[in-house]
Amino acid sequence: MHRYRIRVERRLGAATAALFPGIDVGDAPDGGSVLTGDLPDQAALHGVLARLRDLGLELVEVRRLPDDSAAG
């Protein structure tokens, strides 16, 4: 399981955010949205990215965050 932060160009409304259960959706300072959540594997990550694509959202950044377990 890895934690990811995904930024998209547009702000997501509540109905669109609900399409990503288990993922926190917030506003980015640049006017876009940030999706943050734990995904079990690469297939789940690709599923999220495919849904973003299908919604016509422009991807800005995908970042794998450090594992909390490594912090001690």
N, C-alpha and C. Protein backbone atom coordinates (compact mmCIF):
# COMPACT_ATOMS: atom_id res chain seq x y z
N MET A 1 0.86 -1.18 0.00
CA MET A 1 0.00 0.00 0.00
C MET A 1 0.90 1.23 0.00
N HIS A 2 0.60 2.17 -0.88
CA HIS A 2 1.36 3.41 -0.95
C HIS A 2 0.41 4.59 -0.98
N ARG A 3 0.90 5.70 -0.46
CA ARG A 3 0.11 6.94 -0.43
C ARG A 3 0.50 7.80 -1.63
N TYR A 4 -0.52 8.36 -2.29
CA TYR A 4 -0.29 9.18 -3.47
C TYR A 4 -0.97 10.53 -3.33
N ARG A 5 -0.37 11.52 -3.98
CA ARG A 5 -0.99 12.85 -4.13
C ARG A 5 -1.08 13.11 -5.63
N ILE A 6 -2.29 13.39 -6.08
CA ILE A 6 -2.55 13.63 -7.50
C ILE A 6 -3.18 15.01 -7.64
N ARG A 7 -2.58 15.84 -8.48
CA ARG A 7 -3.14 17.17 -8.72
C ARG A 7 -3.75 17.23 -10.12
N VAL A 8 -4.91 17.86 -10.20
CA VAL A 8 -5.57 18.10 -11.48
C VAL A 8 -5.82 19.60 -11.63
N GLU A 9 -6.04 20.01 -12.87
CA GLU A 9 -6.12 21.43 -13.19
C GLU A 9 -7.37 22.12 -12.66
N ARG A 10 -8.51 21.41 -12.63
CA ARG A 10 -9.77 22.04 -12.21
C ARG A 10 -10.15 21.65 -10.80
N ARG A 11 -10.99 22.49 -10.19
CA ARG A 11 -11.56 22.15 -8.89
C ARG A 11 -12.68 21.15 -9.09
N LEU A 12 -12.72 20.17 -8.21
CA LEU A 12 -13.75 19.14 -8.28
C LEU A 12 -14.89 19.48 -7.34
N GLY A 13 -16.10 19.36 -7.82
CA GLY A 13 -17.27 19.54 -6.97
C GLY A 13 -17.51 18.29 -6.13
N ALA A 14 -18.48 18.38 -5.24
CA ALA A 14 -18.77 17.27 -4.33
C ALA A 14 -19.18 16.00 -5.08
N ALA A 15 -19.97 16.16 -6.13
CA ALA A 15 -20.43 14.98 -6.87
C ALA A 15 -19.26 14.27 -7.55
N THR A 16 -18.34 15.03 -8.10
CA THR A 16 -17.17 14.42 -8.75
C THR A 16 -16.24 13.81 -7.71
N ALA A 17 -16.04 14.50 -6.60
CA ALA A 17 -15.18 13.98 -5.53
C ALA A 17 -15.72 12.66 -5.00
N ALA A 18 -17.03 12.50 -4.98
CA ALA A 18 -17.65 11.26 -4.48
C ALA A 18 -17.33 10.06 -5.37
N LEU A 19 -16.86 10.31 -6.59
CA LEU A 19 -16.48 9.21 -7.48
C LEU A 19 -15.15 8.57 -7.09
N PHE A 20 -14.49 9.14 -6.07
CA PHE A 20 -13.19 8.64 -5.61
C PHE A 20 -13.28 8.26 -4.13
N PRO A 21 -14.02 7.19 -3.81
CA PRO A 21 -14.19 6.81 -2.40
C PRO A 21 -12.85 6.44 -1.76
N GLY A 22 -12.68 6.87 -0.52
CA GLY A 22 -11.46 6.57 0.21
C GLY A 22 -10.31 7.50 -0.12
N ILE A 23 -10.55 8.48 -0.99
CA ILE A 23 -9.52 9.44 -1.36
C ILE A 23 -9.98 10.82 -0.93
N ASP A 24 -9.12 11.55 -0.22
CA ASP A 24 -9.43 12.91 0.20
C ASP A 24 -9.24 13.85 -1.00
N VAL A 25 -10.22 14.70 -1.23
CA VAL A 25 -10.16 15.67 -2.32
C VAL A 25 -10.21 17.06 -1.72
N GLY A 26 -9.19 17.86 -2.04
CA GLY A 26 -9.13 19.22 -1.53
C GLY A 26 -8.76 20.19 -2.62
N ASP A 27 -8.87 21.47 -2.29
CA ASP A 27 -8.53 22.52 -3.25
C ASP A 27 -7.03 22.80 -3.21
N ALA A 28 -6.45 22.95 -4.40
CA ALA A 28 -5.04 23.33 -4.52
C ALA A 28 -4.95 24.85 -4.57
N PRO A 29 -3.85 25.42 -4.11
CA PRO A 29 -3.70 26.88 -4.12
C PRO A 29 -3.78 27.49 -5.51
N ASP A 30 -3.45 26.71 -6.54
CA ASP A 30 -3.44 27.23 -7.91
C ASP A 30 -4.81 27.17 -8.59
N GLY A 31 -5.84 26.78 -7.84
CA GLY A 31 -7.17 26.70 -8.42
C GLY A 31 -7.59 25.31 -8.84
N GLY A 32 -6.70 24.35 -8.77
CA GLY A 32 -7.02 22.98 -9.11
C GLY A 32 -7.47 22.20 -7.89
N SER A 33 -7.38 20.89 -8.00
CA SER A 33 -7.72 20.01 -6.88
C SER A 33 -6.58 19.06 -6.60
N VAL A 34 -6.52 18.61 -5.35
CA VAL A 34 -5.53 17.64 -4.91
C VAL A 34 -6.27 16.43 -4.35
N LEU A 35 -5.95 15.26 -4.88
CA LEU A 35 -6.51 14.01 -4.38
C LEU A 35 -5.39 13.29 -3.65
N THR A 36 -5.65 12.89 -2.42
CA THR A 36 -4.64 12.22 -1.61
C THR A 36 -5.25 10.96 -1.00
N GLY A 37 -4.55 9.85 -1.16
CA GLY A 37 -5.06 8.62 -0.58
C GLY A 37 -4.11 7.46 -0.71
N ASP A 38 -4.44 6.41 0.03
CA ASP A 38 -3.67 5.17 0.01
C ASP A 38 -4.26 4.25 -1.06
N LEU A 39 -3.39 3.74 -1.91
CA LEU A 39 -3.81 2.82 -2.96
C LEU A 39 -3.04 1.52 -2.80
N PRO A 40 -3.74 0.39 -2.94
CA PRO A 40 -3.10 -0.89 -2.64
C PRO A 40 -2.05 -1.34 -3.65
N ASP A 41 -2.18 -0.89 -4.90
CA ASP A 41 -1.24 -1.36 -5.93
C ASP A 41 -1.30 -0.45 -7.15
N GLN A 42 -0.47 -0.77 -8.14
CA GLN A 42 -0.40 0.03 -9.37
C GLN A 42 -1.72 -0.03 -10.14
N ALA A 43 -2.41 -1.14 -10.08
CA ALA A 43 -3.69 -1.25 -10.78
C ALA A 43 -4.69 -0.24 -10.23
N ALA A 44 -4.71 -0.05 -8.92
CA ALA A 44 -5.61 0.93 -8.31
C ALA A 44 -5.22 2.35 -8.73
N LEU A 45 -3.93 2.63 -8.77
CA LEU A 45 -3.46 3.94 -9.22
C LEU A 45 -3.91 4.19 -10.66
N HIS A 46 -3.71 3.21 -11.52
CA HIS A 46 -4.12 3.37 -12.91
C HIS A 46 -5.63 3.52 -13.04
N GLY A 47 -6.37 2.89 -12.14
CA GLY A 47 -7.83 3.06 -12.14
C GLY A 47 -8.23 4.49 -11.83
N VAL A 48 -7.58 5.09 -10.84
CA VAL A 48 -7.86 6.49 -10.50
C VAL A 48 -7.49 7.39 -11.67
N LEU A 49 -6.33 7.15 -12.26
CA LEU A 49 -5.89 7.98 -13.39
C LEU A 49 -6.83 7.83 -14.58
N ALA A 50 -7.32 6.63 -14.83
CA ALA A 50 -8.26 6.40 -15.92
C ALA A 50 -9.58 7.14 -15.67
N ARG A 51 -10.03 7.13 -14.43
CA ARG A 51 -11.28 7.84 -14.12
C ARG A 51 -11.10 9.34 -14.33
N LEU A 52 -9.96 9.88 -13.91
CA LEU A 52 -9.68 11.30 -14.14
C LEU A 52 -9.69 11.62 -15.64
N ARG A 53 -9.05 10.75 -16.42
CA ARG A 53 -9.03 10.92 -17.87
C ARG A 53 -10.44 10.88 -18.44
N ASP A 54 -11.22 9.89 -18.00
CA ASP A 54 -12.58 9.74 -18.52
C ASP A 54 -13.46 10.95 -18.18
N LEU A 55 -13.14 11.63 -17.09
CA LEU A 55 -13.88 12.84 -16.69
C LEU A 55 -13.38 14.08 -17.42
N GLY A 56 -12.33 13.92 -18.22
CA GLY A 56 -11.79 15.04 -18.97
C GLY A 56 -10.95 15.99 -18.14
N LEU A 57 -10.42 15.49 -17.02
CA LEU A 57 -9.62 16.34 -16.13
C LEU A 57 -8.15 16.27 -16.53
N GLU A 58 -7.53 17.43 -16.60
CA GLU A 58 -6.11 17.48 -16.98
C GLU A 58 -5.24 17.19 -15.77
N LEU A 59 -4.39 16.21 -15.91
CA LEU A 59 -3.47 15.80 -14.86
C LEU A 59 -2.30 16.78 -14.79
N VAL A 60 -1.99 17.24 -13.58
CA VAL A 60 -0.87 18.16 -13.37
C VAL A 60 0.32 17.44 -12.77
N GLU A 61 0.04 16.56 -11.78
CA GLU A 61 1.14 15.89 -11.09
C GLU A 61 0.64 14.62 -10.40
N VAL A 62 1.48 13.61 -10.39
CA VAL A 62 1.26 12.40 -9.59
C VAL A 62 2.51 12.20 -8.76
N ARG A 63 2.33 12.09 -7.45
CA ARG A 63 3.49 11.95 -6.57
C ARG A 63 3.22 10.85 -5.55
N ARG A 64 4.15 9.92 -5.45
CA ARG A 64 4.08 8.91 -4.39
C ARG A 64 4.72 9.53 -3.16
N LEU A 65 3.99 9.53 -2.07
CA LEU A 65 4.46 10.12 -0.84
C LEU A 65 5.27 9.12 -0.04
N PRO A 66 6.15 9.61 0.83
CA PRO A 66 6.94 8.68 1.65
C PRO A 66 6.04 7.82 2.53
N ASP A 67 6.45 6.59 2.71
CA ASP A 67 5.71 5.69 3.60
C ASP A 67 5.85 6.19 5.03
N ASP A 68 4.72 6.22 5.79
CA ASP A 68 4.74 6.64 7.19
C ASP A 68 5.60 5.71 8.03
N SER A 69 5.65 4.43 7.65
CA SER A 69 6.41 3.46 8.42
C SER A 69 7.90 3.76 8.43
N ALA A 70 8.39 4.44 7.39
CA ALA A 70 9.80 4.78 7.31
C ALA A 70 10.17 5.90 8.27
N ALA A 71 9.14 6.66 8.74
CA ALA A 71 9.41 7.80 9.64
C ALA A 71 9.77 7.33 11.04
N GLY A 72 9.50 6.09 11.36
CA GLY A 72 9.96 5.61 12.64
C GLY A 72 8.90 5.10 13.50
